[in-house]
Amino acid sequence: MRTVIQMLYGLMDKGPLRALSLLLALVTAGGVLWDPTRFADHAGRLPALQAVVLIWAICCGVIHGVGFRPQHTRWQALFSPLPAMGVLFIALYRFYA
């Protein structure tokens, strides 16, 4: 399991993907901070669990985007950029569509 997590994190450890991750996180955070009621209306009223997942995805996107690379496998699994980018894409799609 450890090697799979490290391999997936290594695949995402590229410059363009880091830039995309940071851009998605900043645009999503900006949308939430700029007009939280519009974001909540378009995102489906954001129940508590969805809000926590969105905050987690923004944090993962910023952590990955600025170039921080967790050394321990458990932190790489927790702050994995692949699922976070999926959540950020979905959030932005639901906000702007």
Protein backbone atom coordinates (compact mmCIF):
# COMPACT_ATOMS: atom_id res chain seq x y z
CA MET A 1 0.00 0.00 0.00
CA ARG A 2 2.87 2.32 0.84
CA THR A 3 4.43 1.98 -2.60
CA VAL A 4 1.11 2.66 -4.34
CA ILE A 5 0.59 5.87 -2.37
CA GLN A 6 4.15 7.01 -3.03
CA MET A 7 3.84 6.15 -6.72
CA LEU A 8 0.57 8.11 -7.11
CA TYR A 9 2.02 11.08 -5.25
CA GLY A 10 5.13 10.90 -7.42
CA LEU A 11 3.03 10.96 -10.60
CA MET A 12 1.35 14.18 -9.44
CA ASP A 13 4.67 15.75 -8.41
CA LYS A 14 5.15 17.69 -11.66
CA GLY A 15 5.40 21.45 -12.19
CA PRO A 16 2.35 21.96 -14.44
CA LEU A 17 0.16 19.84 -12.18
CA ARG A 18 1.35 21.82 -9.17
CA ALA A 19 0.45 25.07 -10.92
CA LEU A 20 -2.98 23.70 -11.85
CA SER A 21 -3.54 22.53 -8.29
CA LEU A 22 -2.64 25.92 -6.85
CA LEU A 23 -4.77 27.75 -9.42
CA LEU A 24 -7.81 25.56 -8.72
CA ALA A 25 -7.41 26.00 -4.97
CA LEU A 26 -7.03 29.77 -5.17
CA VAL A 27 -9.96 30.24 -7.55
CA THR A 28 -12.18 28.05 -5.39
CA ALA A 29 -11.14 29.82 -2.20
CA GLY A 30 -11.66 33.16 -3.91
CA GLY A 31 -15.14 32.14 -5.01
CA VAL A 32 -16.05 31.04 -1.52
CA LEU A 33 -14.68 34.22 0.07
CA TRP A 34 -15.99 36.61 -2.57
CA ASP A 35 -19.62 35.48 -2.55
CA PRO A 36 -20.30 32.65 -0.10
CA THR A 37 -24.09 32.74 -0.54
CA ARG A 38 -23.82 32.32 -4.32
CA PHE A 39 -21.33 29.52 -3.85
CA ALA A 40 -23.61 27.79 -1.35
CA ASP A 41 -26.65 28.19 -3.63
CA HIS A 42 -24.87 26.74 -6.67
CA ALA A 43 -23.09 24.03 -4.72
CA GLY A 44 -26.29 22.59 -3.26
CA ARG A 45 -26.54 24.39 0.08
CA LEU A 46 -23.24 22.87 1.30
CA PRO A 47 -24.07 20.54 4.15
CA ALA A 48 -21.44 20.29 6.86
CA LEU A 49 -19.65 17.28 5.37
CA GLN A 50 -19.40 18.93 1.94
CA ALA A 51 -17.96 22.07 3.53
CA VAL A 52 -15.30 20.04 5.35
CA VAL A 53 -14.40 18.19 2.15
CA LEU A 54 -14.18 21.50 0.27
CA ILE A 55 -11.88 23.00 2.91
CA TRP A 56 -9.75 19.84 2.81
CA ALA A 57 -9.50 20.07 -1.00
CA ILE A 58 -8.49 23.72 -0.89
CA CYS A 59 -5.83 22.96 1.73
CA CYS A 60 -4.52 20.02 -0.30
CA GLY A 61 -4.42 22.14 -3.44
CA VAL A 62 -2.42 24.88 -1.74
CA ILE A 63 -0.06 22.42 -0.04
CA HIS A 64 0.61 20.64 -3.31
CA GLY A 65 0.65 23.83 -5.37
CA VAL A 66 3.30 25.67 -3.37
CA GLY A 67 5.67 22.73 -3.66
CA PHE A 68 5.48 21.21 -0.20
CA ARG A 69 6.05 17.45 -0.36
CA PRO A 70 5.13 15.45 2.76
CA GLN A 71 7.80 12.89 3.63
CA HIS A 72 5.68 10.34 5.52
CA THR A 73 3.36 8.14 3.54
CA ARG A 74 0.37 8.77 5.81
CA TRP A 75 0.59 12.52 5.12
CA GLN A 76 0.98 11.87 1.41
CA ALA A 77 -2.20 9.80 1.56
CA LEU A 78 -4.10 12.43 3.55
CA PHE A 79 -3.00 15.35 1.37
CA SER A 80 -3.14 13.51 -1.94
CA PRO A 81 -3.64 16.03 -4.75
CA LEU A 82 -5.50 13.73 -7.13
CA PRO A 83 -8.80 13.44 -5.20
CA ALA A 84 -8.46 17.05 -4.07
CA MET A 85 -8.23 18.26 -7.66
CA GLY A 86 -11.33 16.21 -8.48
CA VAL A 87 -13.26 17.88 -5.66
CA LEU A 88 -12.03 21.32 -6.77
CA PHE A 89 -13.07 20.68 -10.39
CA ILE A 90 -16.53 19.59 -9.26
CA ALA A 91 -16.90 22.58 -6.93
CA LEU A 92 -15.89 25.05 -9.64
CA TYR A 93 -18.15 23.38 -12.20
CA ARG A 94 -21.14 23.56 -9.86
CA PHE A 95 -20.33 27.17 -8.95
CA TYR A 96 -19.92 28.55 -12.47
CA ALA A 97 -22.34 26.31 -14.39
